[in-house]
Amino acid sequence: VYEASNSLDAYMIFNLLTQEGIHGRVDGEHLVGGIGGIQAINLVRVMVQDEDFDRAREIIREWEAS
């Protein structure tokens, strides 16, 4: 539902969704340190259930607009 540039951003969104009753997980947080000396970009993702996807995207859009 969301691709972040780092773990901090991912957990901020994860916590926002959790406060709204949407449960999920953060994937890829251990990959951000770099791959072969190259900074890994957008490998941290906030994942939610398919049935929560549309509602989660709307919450994220509202947050981004504020």
PDB file of N, CA and C in Angstrom:
ATOM      1  N   VAL A   1       0.818  -1.195   0.000  1.00  0.00           N
ATOM      2  CA  VAL A   1       0.000   0.000   0.000  1.00  0.00           C
ATOM      3  C   VAL A   1       0.868   1.268   0.000  1.00  0.00           C
ATOM      4  N   TYR A   2       2.139   1.139   0.433  1.00  0.00           N
ATOM      5  CA  TYR A   2       3.007   2.308   0.504  1.00  0.00           C
ATOM      6  C   TYR A   2       4.462   1.871   0.392  1.00  0.00           C
ATOM      7  N   GLU A   3       5.218   2.553  -0.457  1.00  0.00           N
ATOM      8  CA  GLU A   3       6.655   2.321  -0.564  1.00  0.00           C
ATOM      9  C   GLU A   3       7.375   3.506   0.044  1.00  0.00           C
ATOM     10  N   ALA A   4       8.268   3.229   0.978  1.00  0.00           N
ATOM     11  CA  ALA A   4       8.973   4.282   1.711  1.00  0.00           C
ATOM     12  C   ALA A   4      10.450   4.274   1.354  1.00  0.00           C
ATOM     13  N   SER A   5      11.084   5.412   1.553  1.00  0.00           N
ATOM     14  CA  SER A   5      12.520   5.503   1.283  1.00  0.00           C
ATOM     15  C   SER A   5      13.350   5.036   2.474  1.00  0.00           C
ATOM     16  N   ASN A   6      12.702   4.894   3.645  1.00  0.00           N
ATOM     17  CA  ASN A   6      13.424   4.408   4.817  1.00  0.00           C
ATOM     18  C   ASN A   6      12.439   3.829   5.833  1.00  0.00           C
ATOM     19  N   SER A   7      12.974   3.153   6.836  1.00  0.00           N
ATOM     20  CA  SER A   7      12.141   2.500   7.845  1.00  0.00           C
ATOM     21  C   SER A   7      11.329   3.490   8.657  1.00  0.00           C
ATOM     22  N   LEU A   8      11.899   4.652   8.955  1.00  0.00           N
ATOM     23  CA  LEU A   8      11.189   5.650   9.741  1.00  0.00           C
ATOM     24  C   LEU A   8       9.899   6.067   9.048  1.00  0.00           C
ATOM     25  N   ASP A   9       9.968   6.377   7.758  1.00  0.00           N
ATOM     26  CA  ASP A   9       8.768   6.752   7.000  1.00  0.00           C
ATOM     27  C   ASP A   9       7.759   5.608   6.963  1.00  0.00           C
ATOM     28  N   ALA A  10       8.257   4.397   6.770  1.00  0.00           N
ATOM     29  CA  ALA A  10       7.365   3.243   6.708  1.00  0.00           C
ATOM     30  C   ALA A  10       6.621   3.055   8.027  1.00  0.00           C
ATOM     31  N   TYR A  11       7.333   3.163   9.136  1.00  0.00           N
ATOM     32  CA  TYR A  11       6.668   2.972  10.424  1.00  0.00           C
ATOM     33  C   TYR A  11       5.734   4.124  10.768  1.00  0.00           C
ATOM     34  N   MET A  12       6.003   5.302  10.273  1.00  0.00           N
ATOM     35  CA  MET A  12       5.080   6.411  10.475  1.00  0.00           C
ATOM     36  C   MET A  12       3.731   6.087   9.806  1.00  0.00           C
ATOM     37  N   ILE A  13       3.775   5.613   8.559  1.00  0.00           N
ATOM     38  CA  ILE A  13       2.557   5.233   7.852  1.00  0.00           C
ATOM     39  C   ILE A  13       1.900   4.021   8.499  1.00  0.00           C
ATOM     40  N   PHE A  14       2.716   3.035   8.864  1.00  0.00           N
ATOM     41  CA  PHE A  14       2.208   1.848   9.535  1.00  0.00           C
ATOM     42  C   PHE A  14       1.427   2.225  10.797  1.00  0.00           C
ATOM     43  N   ASN A  15       1.995   3.122  11.611  1.00  0.00           N
ATOM     44  CA  ASN A  15       1.329   3.552  12.842  1.00  0.00           C
ATOM     45  C   ASN A  15       0.067   4.359  12.549  1.00  0.00           C
ATOM     46  N   LEU A  16       0.103   5.189  11.514  1.00  0.00           N
ATOM     47  CA  LEU A  16      -1.090   5.940  11.107  1.00  0.00           C
ATOM     48  C   LEU A  16      -2.225   4.980  10.760  1.00  0.00           C
ATOM     49  N   LEU A  17      -1.923   3.969   9.983  1.00  0.00           N
ATOM     50  CA  LEU A  17      -2.943   2.987   9.595  1.00  0.00           C
ATOM     51  C   LEU A  17      -3.427   2.181  10.793  1.00  0.00           C
ATOM     52  N   THR A  18      -2.515   1.810  11.674  1.00  0.00           N
ATOM     53  CA  THR A  18      -2.890   1.062  12.872  1.00  0.00           C
ATOM     54  C   THR A  18      -3.861   1.868  13.730  1.00  0.00           C
ATOM     55  N   GLN A  19      -3.634   3.174  13.856  1.00  0.00           N
ATOM     56  CA  GLN A  19      -4.534   4.043  14.615  1.00  0.00           C
ATOM     57  C   GLN A  19      -5.926   4.070  14.008  1.00  0.00           C
ATOM     58  N   GLU A  20      -6.008   3.828  12.708  1.00  0.00           N
ATOM     59  CA  GLU A  20      -7.298   3.816  12.007  1.00  0.00           C
ATOM     60  C   GLU A  20      -7.904   2.414  11.948  1.00  0.00           C
ATOM     61  N   GLY A  21      -7.283   1.460  12.638  1.00  0.00           N
ATOM     62  CA  GLY A  21      -7.822   0.113  12.711  1.00  0.00           C
ATOM     63  C   GLY A  21      -7.417  -0.801  11.568  1.00  0.00           C
ATOM     64  N   ILE A  22      -6.433  -0.390  10.781  1.00  0.00           N
ATOM     65  CA  ILE A  22      -5.944  -1.216   9.680  1.00  0.00           C
ATOM     66  C   ILE A  22      -4.640  -1.872  10.113  1.00  0.00           C
ATOM     67  N   HIS A  23      -4.636  -3.185  10.104  1.00  0.00           N
ATOM     68  CA  HIS A  23      -3.458  -3.934  10.530  1.00  0.00           C
ATOM     69  C   HIS A  23      -2.645  -4.346   9.313  1.00  0.00           C
ATOM     70  N   GLY A  24      -1.344  -4.364   9.485  1.00  0.00           N
ATOM     71  CA  GLY A  24      -0.463  -4.732   8.381  1.00  0.00           C
ATOM     72  C   GLY A  24       0.910  -5.065   8.899  1.00  0.00           C
ATOM     73  N   ARG A  25       1.908  -4.865   8.041  1.00  0.00           N
ATOM     74  CA  ARG A  25       3.290  -5.130   8.430  1.00  0.00           C
ATOM     75  C   ARG A  25       4.219  -4.277   7.575  1.00  0.00           C
ATOM     76  N   VAL A  26       5.456  -4.146   8.036  1.00  0.00           N
ATOM     77  CA  VAL A  26       6.498  -3.449   7.293  1.00  0.00           C
ATOM     78  C   VAL A  26       7.453  -4.506   6.759  1.00  0.00           C
ATOM     79  N   ASP A  27       7.680  -4.498   5.460  1.00  0.00           N
ATOM     80  CA  ASP A  27       8.591  -5.447   4.809  1.00  0.00           C
ATOM     81  C   ASP A  27       9.814  -4.718   4.277  1.00  0.00           C
ATOM     82  N   GLY A  28      10.965  -5.370   4.332  1.00  0.00           N
ATOM     83  CA  GLY A  28      12.173  -4.867   3.700  1.00  0.00           C
ATOM     84  C   GLY A  28      12.988  -3.886   4.504  1.00  0.00           C
ATOM     85  N   GLU A  29      12.649  -3.679   5.767  1.00  0.00           N
ATOM     86  CA  GLU A  29      13.350  -2.658   6.550  1.00  0.00           C
ATOM     87  C   GLU A  29      14.835  -2.959   6.721  1.00  0.00           C
ATOM     88  N   HIS A  30      15.224  -4.210   6.644  1.00  0.00           N
ATOM     89  CA  HIS A  30      16.627  -4.567   6.835  1.00  0.00           C
ATOM     90  C   HIS A  30      17.448  -4.409   5.551  1.00  0.00           C
ATOM     91  N   LEU A  31      16.797  -4.064   4.451  1.00  0.00           N
ATOM     92  CA  LEU A  31      17.491  -3.896   3.175  1.00  0.00           C
ATOM     93  C   LEU A  31      17.938  -2.468   2.924  1.00  0.00           C
ATOM     94  N   VAL A  32      17.505  -1.530   3.749  1.00  0.00           N
ATOM     95  CA  VAL A  32      17.757  -0.112   3.489  1.00  0.00           C
ATOM     96  C   VAL A  32      19.217   0.270   3.638  1.00  0.00           C
ATOM     97  N   GLY A  33      19.989  -0.476   4.371  1.00  0.00           N
ATOM     98  CA  GLY A  33      21.391  -0.143   4.576  1.00  0.00           C
ATOM     99  C   GLY A  33      22.212  -0.132   3.304  1.00  0.00           C
ATOM    100  N   GLY A  34      21.717  -0.714   2.271  1.00  0.00           N
ATOM    101  CA  GLY A  34      22.418  -0.719   0.997  1.00  0.00           C
ATOM    102  C   GLY A  34      22.620  -2.122   0.480  1.00  0.00           C
ATOM    103  N   ILE A  35      22.725  -2.220  -0.797  1.00  0.00           N
ATOM    104  CA  ILE A  35      22.945  -3.506  -1.443  1.00  0.00           C
ATOM    105  C   ILE A  35      24.222  -3.369  -2.257  1.00  0.00           C
ATOM    106  N   GLY A  36      25.258  -4.089  -1.880  1.00  0.00           N
ATOM    107  CA  GLY A  36      26.515  -4.010  -2.603  1.00  0.00           C
ATOM    108  C   GLY A  36      27.111  -2.615  -2.601  1.00  0.00           C
ATOM    109  N   GLY A  37      26.912  -1.871  -1.531  1.00  0.00           N
ATOM    110  CA  GLY A  37      27.462  -0.529  -1.430  1.00  0.00           C
ATOM    111  C   GLY A  37      26.602   0.543  -2.073  1.00  0.00           C
ATOM    112  N   ILE A  38      25.504   0.150  -2.725  1.00  0.00           N
ATOM    113  CA  ILE A  38      24.589   1.109  -3.358  1.00  0.00           C
ATOM    114  C   ILE A  38      23.363   1.246  -2.464  1.00  0.00           C
ATOM    115  N   GLN A  39      22.972   2.477  -2.195  1.00  0.00           N
ATOM    116  CA  GLN A  39      21.812   2.717  -1.336  1.00  0.00           C
ATOM    117  C   GLN A  39      20.561   2.091  -1.949  1.00  0.00           C
ATOM    118  N   ALA A  40      19.872   1.288  -1.170  1.00  0.00           N
ATOM    119  CA  ALA A  40      18.619   0.677  -1.621  1.00  0.00           C
ATOM    120  C   ALA A  40      17.497   1.696  -1.475  1.00  0.00           C
ATOM    121  N   ILE A  41      16.767   1.915  -2.530  1.00  0.00           N
ATOM    122  CA  ILE A  41      15.693   2.915  -2.536  1.00  0.00           C
ATOM    123  C   ILE A  41      14.346   2.215  -2.664  1.00  0.00           C
ATOM    124  N   ASN A  42      13.376   2.673  -1.883  1.00  0.00           N
ATOM    125  CA  ASN A  42      11.988   2.212  -1.946  1.00  0.00           C
ATOM    126  C   ASN A  42      11.836   0.702  -1.801  1.00  0.00           C
ATOM    127  N   LEU A  43      12.664   0.109  -0.970  1.00  0.00           N
ATOM    128  CA  LEU A  43      12.529  -1.309  -0.715  1.00  0.00           C
ATOM    129  C   LEU A  43      11.776  -1.583   0.579  1.00  0.00           C
ATOM    130  N   VAL A  44      11.427  -0.538   1.313  1.00  0.00           N
ATOM    131  CA  VAL A  44      10.660  -0.696   2.540  1.00  0.00           C
ATOM    132  C   VAL A  44       9.205  -0.439   2.190  1.00  0.00           C
ATOM    133  N   ARG A  45       8.381  -1.420   2.468  1.00  0.00           N
ATOM    134  CA  ARG A  45       6.977  -1.325   2.074  1.00  0.00           C
ATOM    135  C   ARG A  45       6.063  -1.574   3.260  1.00  0.00           C
ATOM    136  N   VAL A  46       4.961  -0.848   3.290  1.00  0.00           N
ATOM    137  CA  VAL A  46       3.898  -1.111   4.250  1.00  0.00           C
ATOM    138  C   VAL A  46       2.876  -1.976   3.523  1.00  0.00           C
ATOM    139  N   MET A  47       2.618  -3.121   4.092  1.00  0.00           N
ATOM    140  CA  MET A  47       1.708  -4.091   3.485  1.00  0.00           C
ATOM    141  C   MET A  47       0.443  -4.199   4.329  1.00  0.00           C
ATOM    142  N   VAL A  48      -0.714  -4.293   3.662  1.00  0.00           N
ATOM    143  CA  VAL A  48      -1.995  -4.506   4.333  1.00  0.00           C
ATOM    144  C   VAL A  48      -2.750  -5.601   3.587  1.00  0.00           C
ATOM    145  N   GLN A  49      -3.806  -6.088   4.208  1.00  0.00           N
ATOM    146  CA  GLN A  49      -4.667  -7.074   3.563  1.00  0.00           C
ATOM    147  C   GLN A  49      -5.354  -6.450   2.351  1.00  0.00           C
ATOM    148  N   ASP A  50      -5.651  -7.274   1.352  1.00  0.00           N
ATOM    149  CA  ASP A  50      -6.308  -6.784   0.136  1.00  0.00           C
ATOM    150  C   ASP A  50      -7.592  -6.015   0.441  1.00  0.00           C
ATOM    151  N   GLU A  51      -8.365  -6.508   1.389  1.00  0.00           N
ATOM    152  CA  GLU A  51      -9.646  -5.868   1.691  1.00  0.00           C
ATOM    153  C   GLU A  51      -9.477  -4.495   2.356  1.00  0.00           C
ATOM    154  N   ASP A  52      -8.298  -4.187   2.884  1.00  0.00           N
ATOM    155  CA  ASP A  52      -8.030  -2.894   3.513  1.00  0.00           C
ATOM    156  C   ASP A  52      -7.294  -1.922   2.598  1.00  0.00           C
ATOM    157  N   PHE A  53      -6.921  -2.376   1.407  1.00  0.00           N
ATOM    158  CA  PHE A  53      -6.067  -1.580   0.527  1.00  0.00           C
ATOM    159  C   PHE A  53      -6.677  -0.228   0.170  1.00  0.00           C
ATOM    160  N   ASP A  54      -7.897  -0.193  -0.314  1.00  0.00           N
ATOM    161  CA  ASP A  54      -8.508   1.076  -0.749  1.00  0.00           C
ATOM    162  C   ASP A  54      -8.647   2.061   0.402  1.00  0.00           C
ATOM    163  N   ARG A  55      -9.088   1.579   1.544  1.00  0.00           N
ATOM    164  CA  ARG A  55      -9.230   2.462   2.707  1.00  0.00           C
ATOM    165  C   ARG A  55      -7.863   2.982   3.158  1.00  0.00           C
ATOM    166  N   ALA A  56      -6.869   2.108   3.156  1.00  0.00           N
ATOM    167  CA  ALA A  56      -5.514   2.519   3.553  1.00  0.00           C
ATOM    168  C   ALA A  56      -4.969   3.574   2.596  1.00  0.00           C
ATOM    169  N   ARG A  57      -5.147   3.398   1.300  1.00  0.00           N
ATOM    170  CA  ARG A  57      -4.672   4.384   0.321  1.00  0.00           C
ATOM    171  C   ARG A  57      -5.363   5.726   0.536  1.00  0.00           C
ATOM    172  N   GLU A  58      -6.639   5.717   0.862  1.00  0.00           N
ATOM    173  CA  GLU A  58      -7.356   6.971   1.110  1.00  0.00           C
ATOM    174  C   GLU A  58      -6.797   7.670   2.349  1.00  0.00           C
ATOM    175  N   ILE A  59      -6.524   6.943   3.396  1.00  0.00           N
ATOM    176  CA  ILE A  59      -5.944   7.517   4.612  1.00  0.00           C
ATOM    177  C   ILE A  59      -4.573   8.117   4.299  1.00  0.00           C
ATOM    178  N   ILE A  60      -3.776   7.394   3.523  1.00  0.00           N
ATOM    179  CA  ILE A  60      -2.444   7.893   3.163  1.00  0.00           C
ATOM    180  C   ILE A  60      -2.554   9.141   2.311  1.00  0.00           C
ATOM    181  N   ARG A  61      -3.475   9.167   1.342  1.00  0.00           N
ATOM    182  CA  ARG A  61      -3.672  10.357   0.498  1.00  0.00           C
ATOM    183  C   ARG A  61      -4.063  11.569   1.338  1.00  0.00           C
ATOM    184  N   GLU A  62      -4.975  11.369   2.283  1.00  0.00           N
ATOM    185  CA  GLU A  62      -5.385  12.477   3.162  1.00  0.00           C
ATOM    186  C   GLU A  62      -4.205  12.982   3.988  1.00  0.00           C
ATOM    187  N   TRP A  63      -3.389  12.071   4.498  1.00  0.00           N
ATOM    188  CA  TRP A  63      -2.220  12.454   5.290  1.00  0.00           C
ATOM    189  C   TRP A  63      -1.228  13.230   4.425  1.00  0.00           C
ATOM    190  N   GLU A  64      -0.991  12.758   3.202  1.00  0.00           N
ATOM    191  CA  GLU A  64      -0.041  13.424   2.308  1.00  0.00           C
ATOM    192  C   GLU A  64      -0.534  14.820   1.919  1.00  0.00           C
ATOM    193  N   ALA A  65      -1.840  15.016   1.835  1.00  0.00           N
ATOM    194  CA  ALA A  65      -2.412  16.299   1.448  1.00  0.00           C
ATOM    195  C   ALA A  65      -2.348  17.327   2.577  1.00  0.00           C
ATOM    196  N   SER A  66      -2.227  16.834   3.806  1.00  0.00           N
ATOM    197  CA  SER A  66      -2.213  17.769   4.951  1.00  0.00           C
ATOM    198  C   SER A  66      -0.836  18.321   5.237  1.00  0.00           C
TER     199      SER A  66
END
